[in-house]
């Protein structure tokens, strides 16, 4: 598991580093500004936000073609693309080359950000999936810190090294990502989907334990669970691009909506979810995080509306508190929750849709926030506060709890029906109890499940 985690974390270090590296270069009277003729506010916004257009393009490419190459190859392609983009950025002599380099680099990041969470979630066991997936957010902020401190350290340097070194340094992480991913296997879910059962069993054996063999009952059971899950999901025939936008028994469209909505907020991270995500679950962290973010935005707009220097200092304090609430839920969970609520059959498509929507939203915010601040000043934070508080009832009503669920249990998440799929009335959003899929297969077994908050006893005959 360490090798899988290291490769995944390398991708998220890149994500954080890329997001933070321009913050120390744009808008200052430094060597970068001198070489690019002191870009004005509008051009600064374009230089910054066009990066996210590249991310969206990378995610969109994954949607249409990613399934042909697999999770591992997409990660390698992402790292390789970023190496090319970093080369263009570090050698930029014109604004056009700089913009092209940022787009190419972000296309590679779009590959990684729409693949890494899915890759790691399919390689993790049920009991410890939340902690390593939450660490992706922590690692993101590590990359952001590296970028910020490198910018700060080179601020006092003279000449082109002041900006070319920090931009070019990300190639180190790009190369590490490619080298770390090369020896890793493909995920068992993808291999079973491609009818390579022998390779899938080999990977499952490696994931189970160092002493396990391909004939171990647990390995055989896990393979059958994946096969059954894919069989259920494939009952409608070959995949069609309209499939993620339809309802039906598995409620794919509902899953797409959840995937696209969970990544609307992304900034910083903290270590808090490493100890809370498995204890309190995904829903509680998302709701408390959204309420805390709304509180911070509300306090900032109130303090800034007063207009005094002391109140401005107080508002700055809430910027730091904001980071804490963001790290509780809305930083890490949107990156792995889509992989938990989607079925294996369409997981890769919905993961890239999530990333595509994320980067378009980031582009929108980055492009328009400076304009909003200039025109309506502190009133901008009213918009952010309202958007944050709206997520509390949205999560409570329609987001099912996935803590401790096996990936195979996901097929049954929305069988409760209704507008909310059973999440609203179920206690704690537990529309499905852990192990429901396992108890419902392989012999006459008694299963327990909650539908609209009511425990139901079900007996299913073995197939």
Protein backbone atom coordinates (compact mmCIF):
# COMPACT_ATOMS: atom_id res chain seq x y z
CA UNK A 1 0.00 0.00 0.00
CA UNK A 2 2.94 2.32 0.62
CA UNK A 3 3.94 2.35 -3.05
CA UNK A 4 0.41 3.16 -4.19
CA UNK A 5 0.10 5.92 -1.61
CA UNK A 6 3.49 7.41 -2.51
CA UNK A 7 2.58 7.69 -6.19
CA UNK A 8 -0.84 9.15 -5.40
CA UNK A 9 0.62 11.64 -2.95
CA UNK A 10 3.19 12.70 -5.52
CA UNK A 11 0.34 13.70 -7.80
CA UNK A 12 -1.27 15.78 -5.07
CA UNK A 13 2.01 17.45 -4.14
CA UNK A 14 2.07 18.56 -7.77
CA UNK A 15 -1.50 19.79 -7.49
CA UNK A 16 -0.67 21.94 -4.47
CA UNK A 17 2.67 23.12 -5.86
CA UNK A 18 1.14 24.18 -9.17
CA UNK A 19 -1.65 26.07 -7.44
CA UNK A 20 0.73 27.96 -5.19
CA UNK A 21 3.75 28.68 -7.35
CA UNK A 22 2.32 31.70 -9.21
CA UNK A 23 1.07 33.41 -6.03
CA UNK A 24 4.57 34.64 -5.24
CA UNK A 25 5.28 35.79 -8.78
CA UNK A 26 2.10 37.47 -10.01
CA UNK A 27 1.37 41.04 -8.93
CA UNK A 28 4.79 41.89 -7.51
CA UNK A 29 7.42 44.27 -8.82
CA UNK A 30 9.92 41.49 -9.46
CA UNK A 31 11.95 39.96 -12.28
CA UNK A 32 8.89 38.12 -13.61
CA UNK A 33 6.95 41.38 -13.94
CA UNK A 34 9.85 43.08 -15.65
CA UNK A 35 10.31 40.33 -18.24
CA UNK A 36 6.59 40.23 -19.06
CA UNK A 37 6.01 44.00 -19.13
CA UNK A 38 4.19 44.33 -15.80
CA UNK A 39 0.88 42.60 -16.66
CA UNK A 40 -2.22 44.51 -15.53
CA UNK A 41 -4.98 43.08 -13.32
CA UNK A 42 -6.91 41.59 -16.24
CA UNK A 43 -3.84 39.91 -17.70
CA UNK A 44 -2.85 38.64 -14.27
CA UNK A 45 -6.27 37.01 -13.99
CA UNK A 46 -5.82 35.39 -17.41
CA UNK A 47 -2.34 34.07 -16.56
CA UNK A 48 -3.69 32.59 -13.35
CA UNK A 49 -7.08 31.29 -14.47
CA UNK A 50 -6.08 29.87 -17.86
CA UNK A 51 -4.24 27.24 -15.87
CA UNK A 52 -7.60 25.81 -14.80
CA UNK A 53 -8.85 25.68 -18.39
CA UNK A 54 -6.01 23.24 -19.04
CA UNK A 55 -7.12 21.14 -16.06
CA UNK A 56 -10.67 21.02 -17.38
CA UNK A 57 -9.37 20.01 -20.83
CA UNK A 58 -7.32 17.20 -19.31
CA UNK A 59 -10.32 15.92 -17.37
CA UNK A 60 -12.53 16.13 -20.47
CA UNK A 61 -10.00 14.14 -22.49
CA UNK A 62 -10.07 11.49 -19.79
CA UNK A 63 -13.85 11.30 -20.03
CA UNK A 64 -13.83 10.34 -23.69
CA UNK A 65 -10.58 8.38 -24.03
CA UNK A 66 -9.28 7.58 -20.55
CA UNK A 67 -11.04 4.23 -20.19
CA UNK A 68 -9.00 2.82 -23.08
CA UNK A 69 -5.70 3.35 -21.30
CA UNK A 70 -6.43 2.42 -17.68
CA UNK A 71 -5.70 4.18 -14.39
CA UNK A 72 -1.95 3.54 -14.31
CA UNK A 73 -1.25 4.70 -17.87
CA UNK A 74 -3.28 7.87 -17.36
CA UNK A 75 -1.15 8.76 -14.34
CA UNK A 76 2.02 8.23 -16.37
CA UNK A 77 0.58 10.30 -19.23
CA UNK A 78 -0.30 13.06 -16.78
CA UNK A 79 3.22 13.19 -15.36
CA UNK A 80 4.80 13.14 -18.81
CA UNK A 81 2.53 15.92 -20.05
CA UNK A 82 3.45 18.02 -17.03
CA UNK A 83 7.16 17.54 -17.77
CA UNK A 84 6.58 18.97 -21.25
CA UNK A 85 4.54 21.86 -19.87
CA UNK A 86 7.12 22.63 -17.18
CA UNK A 87 9.85 22.74 -19.84
CA UNK A 88 7.81 25.30 -21.79
CA UNK A 89 7.18 27.37 -18.67
CA UNK A 90 10.74 27.39 -17.43
CA UNK A 91 12.10 28.48 -20.81
CA UNK A 92 9.41 31.08 -21.53
CA UNK A 93 10.56 34.28 -23.20
CA UNK A 94 7.18 35.50 -24.42
CA UNK A 95 3.73 35.76 -22.85
CA UNK A 96 2.32 33.38 -25.49
CA UNK A 97 4.81 30.64 -24.56
CA UNK A 98 4.04 31.18 -20.88
CA UNK A 99 0.30 30.75 -21.44
CA UNK A 100 0.80 27.66 -23.61
CA UNK A 101 3.08 26.16 -20.97
CA UNK A 102 0.51 26.73 -18.25
CA UNK A 103 -2.24 25.12 -20.33
CA UNK A 104 -0.11 22.07 -21.17
CA UNK A 105 1.01 21.65 -17.57
CA UNK A 106 -2.54 21.83 -16.33
CA UNK A 107 -3.76 19.34 -18.92
CA UNK A 108 -1.37 16.88 -17.29
CA UNK A 109 -2.67 17.90 -13.88
CA UNK A 110 -6.19 17.33 -15.19
CA UNK A 111 -5.20 13.77 -16.07
CA UNK A 112 -3.80 13.22 -12.58
CA UNK A 113 -6.53 14.93 -10.55
CA UNK A 114 -9.26 12.92 -12.30
CA UNK A 115 -7.41 9.61 -11.95
CA UNK A 116 -5.34 9.58 -8.74
CA UNK A 117 -8.27 9.51 -6.26
CA UNK A 118 -9.94 6.69 -8.18
CA UNK A 119 -6.67 4.74 -8.46
CA UNK A 120 -5.99 4.90 -4.74
CA UNK A 121 -9.59 4.21 -3.70
CA UNK A 122 -9.64 1.03 -5.79
CA UNK A 123 -6.36 -0.08 -4.20
CA UNK A 124 -7.41 0.59 -0.59
CA UNK A 125 -9.19 -1.79 1.75
CA UNK A 126 -12.56 -0.78 3.14
CA UNK A 127 -11.44 -0.21 6.75
CA UNK A 128 -8.59 2.19 6.02
CA UNK A 129 -9.74 3.87 2.82
CA UNK A 130 -10.75 7.15 4.42
CA UNK A 131 -7.41 7.98 6.07
CA UNK A 132 -5.10 7.68 3.03
CA UNK A 133 -7.68 9.39 0.82
CA UNK A 134 -7.97 12.26 3.29
CA UNK A 135 -4.20 12.53 3.33
CA UNK A 136 -4.41 13.62 -0.29
CA UNK A 137 -5.64 16.96 0.99
CA UNK A 138 -2.83 17.14 3.52
CA UNK A 139 -0.26 16.39 0.83
CA UNK A 140 -1.80 19.07 -1.38
CA UNK A 141 -1.08 21.71 1.23
CA UNK A 142 2.46 20.33 1.59
CA UNK A 143 3.00 21.07 -2.10
CA UNK A 144 1.46 24.51 -1.62
CA UNK A 145 3.80 25.23 1.29
CA UNK A 146 6.85 24.12 -0.71
CA UNK A 147 5.85 26.48 -3.52
CA UNK A 148 5.23 29.42 -1.20
CA UNK A 149 8.50 29.02 0.72
CA UNK A 150 10.49 28.56 -2.48
CA UNK A 151 8.95 31.74 -3.87
CA UNK A 152 9.79 33.54 -0.65
CA UNK A 153 13.37 32.27 -0.56
CA UNK A 154 14.07 33.33 -4.13
CA UNK A 155 12.38 36.70 -3.76
CA UNK A 156 15.72 38.12 -2.67
CA UNK A 157 17.60 36.59 -5.62
CA UNK A 158 18.54 38.66 -8.64
CA UNK A 159 17.97 37.81 -12.28
CA UNK A 160 15.78 35.23 -14.06
CA UNK A 161 16.50 32.55 -11.44
CA UNK A 162 14.04 34.43 -9.22
CA UNK A 163 11.09 33.02 -11.18
CA UNK A 164 12.50 30.37 -13.53
CA UNK A 165 13.78 28.10 -10.74
CA UNK A 166 10.50 27.81 -8.78
CA UNK A 167 8.53 27.20 -11.98
CA UNK A 168 11.03 24.64 -13.26
CA UNK A 169 11.40 22.86 -9.92
CA UNK A 170 8.03 21.17 -10.34
CA UNK A 171 9.70 18.96 -12.97
CA UNK A 172 11.32 17.15 -10.04
CA UNK A 173 7.89 16.07 -8.78
CA UNK A 174 6.77 15.26 -12.34
CA UNK A 175 9.69 12.89 -12.86
CA UNK A 176 9.18 11.28 -9.44
CA UNK A 177 5.51 10.67 -10.27
CA UNK A 178 6.32 8.88 -13.52
CA UNK A 179 9.11 6.78 -11.98
CA UNK A 180 6.98 5.80 -8.97
CA UNK A 181 4.00 4.81 -11.13
CA UNK A 182 5.91 2.69 -13.67
CA UNK A 183 6.36 -0.41 -11.44
CA UNK A 184 2.80 -0.30 -10.04
CA UNK A 185 0.01 -2.61 -11.29
CA UNK A 186 -3.35 -1.68 -12.75
CA UNK A 187 -6.36 -1.73 -10.40
CA UNK A 188 -8.30 -5.01 -10.01
CA UNK A 189 -11.60 -3.30 -10.88
CA UNK A 190 -10.26 -2.11 -14.22
CA UNK A 191 -8.64 -5.48 -14.98
CA UNK A 192 -11.86 -7.40 -14.27
CA UNK A 193 -13.79 -4.92 -16.40
CA UNK A 194 -11.36 -5.66 -19.26
CA UNK A 195 -11.73 -9.45 -18.69
CA UNK A 196 -8.14 -9.84 -17.47
CA UNK A 197 -9.13 -11.91 -14.44
CA UNK A 198 -5.73 -13.55 -14.01
CA UNK A 199 -3.99 -10.20 -13.60
CA UNK A 200 -6.79 -8.99 -11.31
CA UNK A 201 -6.34 -11.99 -9.02
CA UNK A 202 -2.59 -11.36 -8.89
CA UNK A 203 -3.13 -7.75 -7.84
CA UNK A 204 -5.77 -8.70 -5.26
CA UNK A 205 -3.33 -11.22 -3.83
CA UNK A 206 -0.64 -8.55 -3.46
CA UNK A 207 -3.13 -6.19 -1.82
CA UNK A 208 -4.44 -8.81 0.62
CA UNK A 209 -1.13 -9.63 2.35
CA UNK A 210 2.46 -10.58 1.68
CA UNK A 211 1.69 -14.24 2.48
CA UNK A 212 -1.54 -14.57 0.49
CA UNK A 213 -1.82 -16.78 -2.58
CA UNK A 214 -4.14 -16.69 -5.56
CA UNK A 215 -6.09 -19.61 -4.07
CA UNK A 216 -6.82 -17.93 -0.74
CA UNK A 217 -10.58 -17.89 -0.03
CA UNK A 218 -10.52 -14.14 0.66
CA UNK A 219 -8.82 -13.40 -2.66
CA UNK A 220 -11.31 -15.57 -4.54
CA UNK A 221 -14.19 -13.93 -2.67
CA UNK A 222 -12.98 -10.42 -3.47
CA UNK A 223 -12.64 -11.29 -7.16
CA UNK A 224 -16.19 -12.67 -7.23
CA UNK A 225 -17.50 -9.56 -5.52
CA UNK A 226 -15.97 -7.34 -8.19
CA UNK A 227 -17.27 -9.59 -10.95
CA UNK A 228 -20.80 -9.63 -9.52
CA UNK A 229 -20.75 -5.87 -9.08
CA UNK A 230 -19.72 -5.34 -12.70
CA UNK A 231 -22.29 -7.89 -13.86
CA UNK A 232 -25.06 -5.92 -12.16
CA UNK A 233 -23.79 -2.64 -13.57
CA UNK A 234 -23.43 -4.06 -17.09
CA UNK A 235 -26.93 -5.49 -17.28
CA UNK A 236 -27.98 -2.66 -19.59
CA UNK A 237 -25.52 -3.60 -22.33
CA UNK A 238 -22.41 -1.78 -23.67
CA UNK A 239 -21.51 1.58 -22.15
CA UNK A 240 -23.12 4.62 -23.77
CA UNK A 241 -22.12 8.21 -23.10
CA UNK A 242 -25.71 8.97 -22.13
CA UNK A 243 -25.51 6.38 -19.34
CA UNK A 244 -24.12 8.69 -16.60
CA UNK A 245 -27.05 11.07 -17.21
CA UNK A 246 -29.85 8.53 -16.80
CA UNK A 247 -31.71 7.29 -13.75
CA UNK A 248 -32.73 3.67 -13.55
CA UNK A 249 -32.24 1.30 -10.65
CA UNK A 250 -28.61 2.29 -10.03
CA UNK A 251 -29.41 6.00 -10.34
CA UNK A 252 -26.38 7.00 -12.42
CA UNK A 253 -27.58 10.57 -12.96
CA UNK A 254 -27.89 11.09 -9.23
CA UNK A 255 -24.31 9.87 -8.85
CA UNK A 256 -23.12 12.25 -11.58
CA UNK A 257 -24.76 15.17 -9.78
CA UNK A 258 -23.03 14.21 -6.55
CA UNK A 259 -19.69 13.85 -8.33
CA UNK A 260 -19.97 17.25 -9.99
CA UNK A 261 -21.06 19.04 -6.82
CA UNK A 262 -18.54 17.71 -4.32
CA UNK A 263 -15.56 19.56 -5.76
CA UNK A 264 -16.96 23.09 -5.86
CA UNK A 265 -14.76 24.15 -2.97
CA UNK A 266 -10.99 23.59 -2.95
CA UNK A 267 -8.28 25.60 -1.24
CA UNK A 268 -6.21 24.27 1.66
CA UNK A 269 -5.90 21.26 3.94
CA UNK A 270 -5.08 20.18 7.45
CA UNK A 271 -4.44 16.93 9.31
CA UNK A 272 -7.82 16.93 11.07
CA UNK A 273 -9.61 14.44 8.72
CA UNK A 274 -6.92 11.81 9.36
CA UNK A 275 -8.44 11.32 12.81
CA UNK A 276 -12.07 12.22 12.13
CA UNK A 277 -13.07 10.90 8.70
CA UNK A 278 -13.53 7.27 9.81
CA UNK A 279 -14.92 8.19 13.24
CA UNK A 280 -17.58 10.71 12.24
CA UNK A 281 -18.14 9.84 8.58
CA UNK A 282 -18.18 11.92 5.42
CA UNK A 283 -21.54 13.70 5.87
CA UNK A 284 -20.85 15.12 9.33
CA UNK A 285 -17.50 16.55 8.23
CA UNK A 286 -18.95 18.10 5.08
CA UNK A 287 -21.83 19.75 6.93
CA UNK A 288 -19.73 21.06 9.82
CA UNK A 289 -17.11 22.28 7.35
CA UNK A 290 -19.69 24.14 5.23
CA UNK A 291 -21.26 25.73 8.32
CA UNK A 292 -17.82 26.83 9.54
CA UNK A 293 -16.92 28.30 6.15
CA UNK A 294 -20.18 30.24 6.07
CA UNK A 295 -19.45 31.56 9.55
CA UNK A 296 -15.97 32.72 8.48
CA UNK A 297 -17.23 34.45 5.35
CA UNK A 298 -20.01 36.11 7.37
CA UNK A 299 -17.57 37.42 9.95
CA UNK A 300 -15.20 38.68 7.26
CA UNK A 301 -17.93 40.63 5.46
CA UNK A 302 -19.23 42.10 8.73
CA UNK A 303 -15.79 43.17 9.88
CA UNK A 304 -14.79 44.58 6.50
CA UNK A 305 -18.06 46.51 6.22
CA UNK A 306 -17.06 48.51 9.32
CA UNK A 307 -14.08 49.79 7.40
CA UNK A 308 -11.53 50.36 10.16
CA UNK A 309 -7.96 49.06 10.26
CA UNK A 310 -8.52 47.08 13.47
CA UNK A 311 -11.56 45.38 11.96
CA UNK A 312 -9.48 44.52 8.87
CA UNK A 313 -6.94 42.82 11.14
CA UNK A 314 -9.75 40.88 12.80
CA UNK A 315 -11.05 39.81 9.38
CA UNK A 316 -7.59 38.51 8.55
CA UNK A 317 -7.77 36.21 11.58
CA UNK A 318 -10.88 34.60 10.13
CA UNK A 319 -8.95 33.81 6.97
CA UNK A 320 -6.83 31.44 9.07
CA UNK A 321 -9.88 29.99 10.82
CA UNK A 322 -11.35 29.47 7.36
CA UNK A 323 -8.44 27.17 6.50
CA UNK A 324 -9.22 25.00 9.54
CA UNK A 325 -12.87 24.54 8.58
CA UNK A 326 -11.91 23.88 4.99
CA UNK A 327 -9.46 21.18 6.04
CA UNK A 328 -12.14 19.44 8.13
CA UNK A 329 -14.22 18.45 5.15
CA UNK A 330 -14.32 20.35 1.89
CA UNK A 331 -10.65 20.00 1.10
CA UNK A 332 -10.11 16.21 1.18
CA UNK A 333 -13.56 14.63 0.86
CA UNK A 334 -14.57 16.00 -2.58
CA UNK A 335 -11.54 14.27 -4.09
CA UNK A 336 -12.47 10.74 -2.97
CA UNK A 337 -16.23 10.87 -2.31
CA UNK A 338 -17.10 10.65 -6.04
CA UNK A 339 -15.09 7.43 -6.21
CA UNK A 340 -17.14 6.05 -3.31
CA UNK A 341 -20.63 6.86 -4.61
CA UNK A 342 -20.09 5.76 -8.20
CA UNK A 343 -20.22 2.25 -9.57
CA UNK A 344 -17.17 0.52 -10.98
CA UNK A 345 -18.63 0.52 -14.49
CA UNK A 346 -18.86 4.31 -14.84
CA UNK A 347 -16.45 5.38 -12.10
CA UNK A 348 -13.74 6.63 -14.43
CA UNK A 349 -16.26 8.69 -16.43
CA UNK A 350 -17.81 10.29 -13.38
CA UNK A 351 -14.44 10.93 -11.73
CA UNK A 352 -13.31 12.96 -14.74
CA UNK A 353 -16.67 14.76 -14.86
CA UNK A 354 -16.08 15.74 -11.23
CA UNK A 355 -12.59 17.01 -12.04
CA UNK A 356 -13.87 18.81 -15.15
CA UNK A 357 -16.55 20.64 -13.17
CA UNK A 358 -14.04 21.39 -10.39
CA UNK A 359 -11.53 23.09 -12.67
CA UNK A 360 -14.20 25.07 -14.50
CA UNK A 361 -15.51 26.30 -11.16
CA UNK A 362 -11.98 27.19 -10.06
CA UNK A 363 -11.50 29.08 -13.32
CA UNK A 364 -14.76 30.96 -12.77
CA UNK A 365 -13.87 31.93 -9.20
CA UNK A 366 -10.28 32.91 -10.00
CA UNK A 367 -11.31 34.91 -13.05
CA UNK A 368 -14.23 36.77 -11.48
CA UNK A 369 -13.27 37.26 -7.83
CA UNK A 370 -10.84 40.16 -8.54
CA UNK A 371 -13.53 41.83 -10.64
CA UNK A 372 -16.14 41.32 -7.91
CA UNK A 373 -13.82 42.66 -5.21
CA UNK A 374 -13.08 45.72 -7.34
CA UNK A 375 -16.76 46.45 -8.04
CA UNK A 376 -18.66 45.42 -4.90
CA UNK A 377 -15.84 45.18 -2.33
CA UNK A 378 -16.76 43.22 0.82
CA UNK A 379 -20.20 42.37 -0.59
CA UNK A 380 -18.43 39.61 -2.53
CA UNK A 381 -18.24 37.58 0.67
CA UNK A 382 -22.04 37.61 0.96
CA UNK A 383 -22.11 35.43 -2.17
CA UNK A 384 -19.54 33.02 -0.75
CA UNK A 385 -21.31 32.80 2.63
CA UNK A 386 -24.65 31.94 0.99
CA UNK A 387 -23.08 29.31 -1.26
CA UNK A 388 -21.41 27.66 1.74
CA UNK A 389 -24.49 27.53 3.97
CA UNK A 390 -26.58 26.02 1.14
CA UNK A 391 -24.37 22.94 1.23
CA UNK A 392 -25.54 22.00 4.75
CA UNK A 393 -29.10 21.01 3.72
CA UNK A 394 -27.89 19.66 0.36
CA UNK A 395 -25.47 17.24 2.04
CA UNK A 396 -28.00 16.28 4.72
CA UNK A 397 -30.77 15.53 2.24
CA UNK A 398 -29.06 13.82 -0.69
CA UNK A 399 -25.53 12.70 0.26
CA UNK A 400 -25.52 9.11 1.56
CA UNK A 401 -22.93 8.07 4.15
CA UNK A 402 -20.19 5.87 2.66
CA UNK A 403 -18.00 5.35 5.72
CA UNK A 404 -16.92 1.66 6.05
CA UNK A 405 -18.83 0.65 2.91
CA UNK A 406 -17.12 -1.69 0.50
CA UNK A 407 -16.97 -0.49 -3.07
CA UNK A 408 -19.37 -3.32 -3.98
CA UNK A 409 -21.98 -1.97 -1.52
CA UNK A 410 -22.16 1.22 -3.59
CA UNK A 411 -24.42 -0.48 -6.16
CA UNK A 412 -27.22 -0.48 -3.57
CA UNK A 413 -26.87 3.11 -2.29
CA UNK A 414 -29.98 4.50 -3.96
CA UNK A 415 -32.30 1.50 -3.89
CA UNK A 416 -34.40 3.32 -1.27
CA UNK A 417 -35.85 5.39 -4.10
CA UNK A 418 -37.50 8.77 -3.76
CA UNK A 419 -36.06 12.18 -4.47
CA UNK A 420 -33.16 11.70 -2.06
CA UNK A 421 -32.51 8.00 -2.71
CA UNK A 422 -33.19 7.17 0.94
CA UNK A 423 -30.39 9.34 2.35
CA UNK A 424 -32.75 11.94 3.90
CA UNK A 425 -34.79 9.59 6.10
CA UNK A 426 -32.09 7.05 6.88
CA UNK A 427 -30.42 7.51 10.26
CA UNK A 428 -27.12 9.27 9.73
CA UNK A 429 -27.64 9.00 5.95
CA UNK A 430 -26.97 5.24 6.18
CA UNK A 431 -29.07 4.14 3.21
CA UNK A 432 -26.97 0.95 3.08
CA UNK A 433 -25.20 -0.77 5.95
CA UNK A 434 -21.57 -1.99 5.54
CA UNK A 435 -21.35 -5.50 4.07
CA UNK A 436 -24.86 -5.47 2.57
CA UNK A 437 -23.63 -6.67 -0.83
CA UNK A 438 -21.64 -9.51 0.76
CA UNK A 439 -24.54 -10.68 2.93
CA UNK A 440 -26.85 -10.69 -0.06
CA UNK A 441 -24.67 -13.04 -2.14
CA UNK A 442 -23.32 -16.57 -1.99
CA UNK A 443 -26.00 -18.68 -0.33
CA UNK A 444 -29.09 -18.01 1.73
CA UNK A 445 -27.84 -15.21 3.93
CA UNK A 446 -29.73 -12.77 6.03
CA UNK A 447 -28.93 -9.14 5.29
CA UNK A 448 -29.74 -5.95 7.08
CA UNK A 449 -30.49 -2.74 5.25
CA UNK A 450 -32.13 0.59 5.98
CA UNK A 451 -34.74 1.96 3.60
CA UNK A 452 -36.11 5.38 4.49
CA UNK A 453 -34.67 5.01 7.97
CA UNK A 454 -36.43 1.67 8.68
CA UNK A 455 -34.43 -1.48 9.23
CA UNK A 456 -35.54 -4.25 6.91
CA UNK A 457 -34.67 -7.91 7.09
CA UNK A 458 -34.06 -9.48 3.74
CA UNK A 459 -33.35 -13.05 2.75
CA UNK A 460 -31.92 -13.58 -0.71
CA UNK A 461 -31.46 -16.93 -2.38
CA UNK A 462 -28.04 -17.66 -3.84
CA UNK A 463 -27.80 -17.33 -7.56
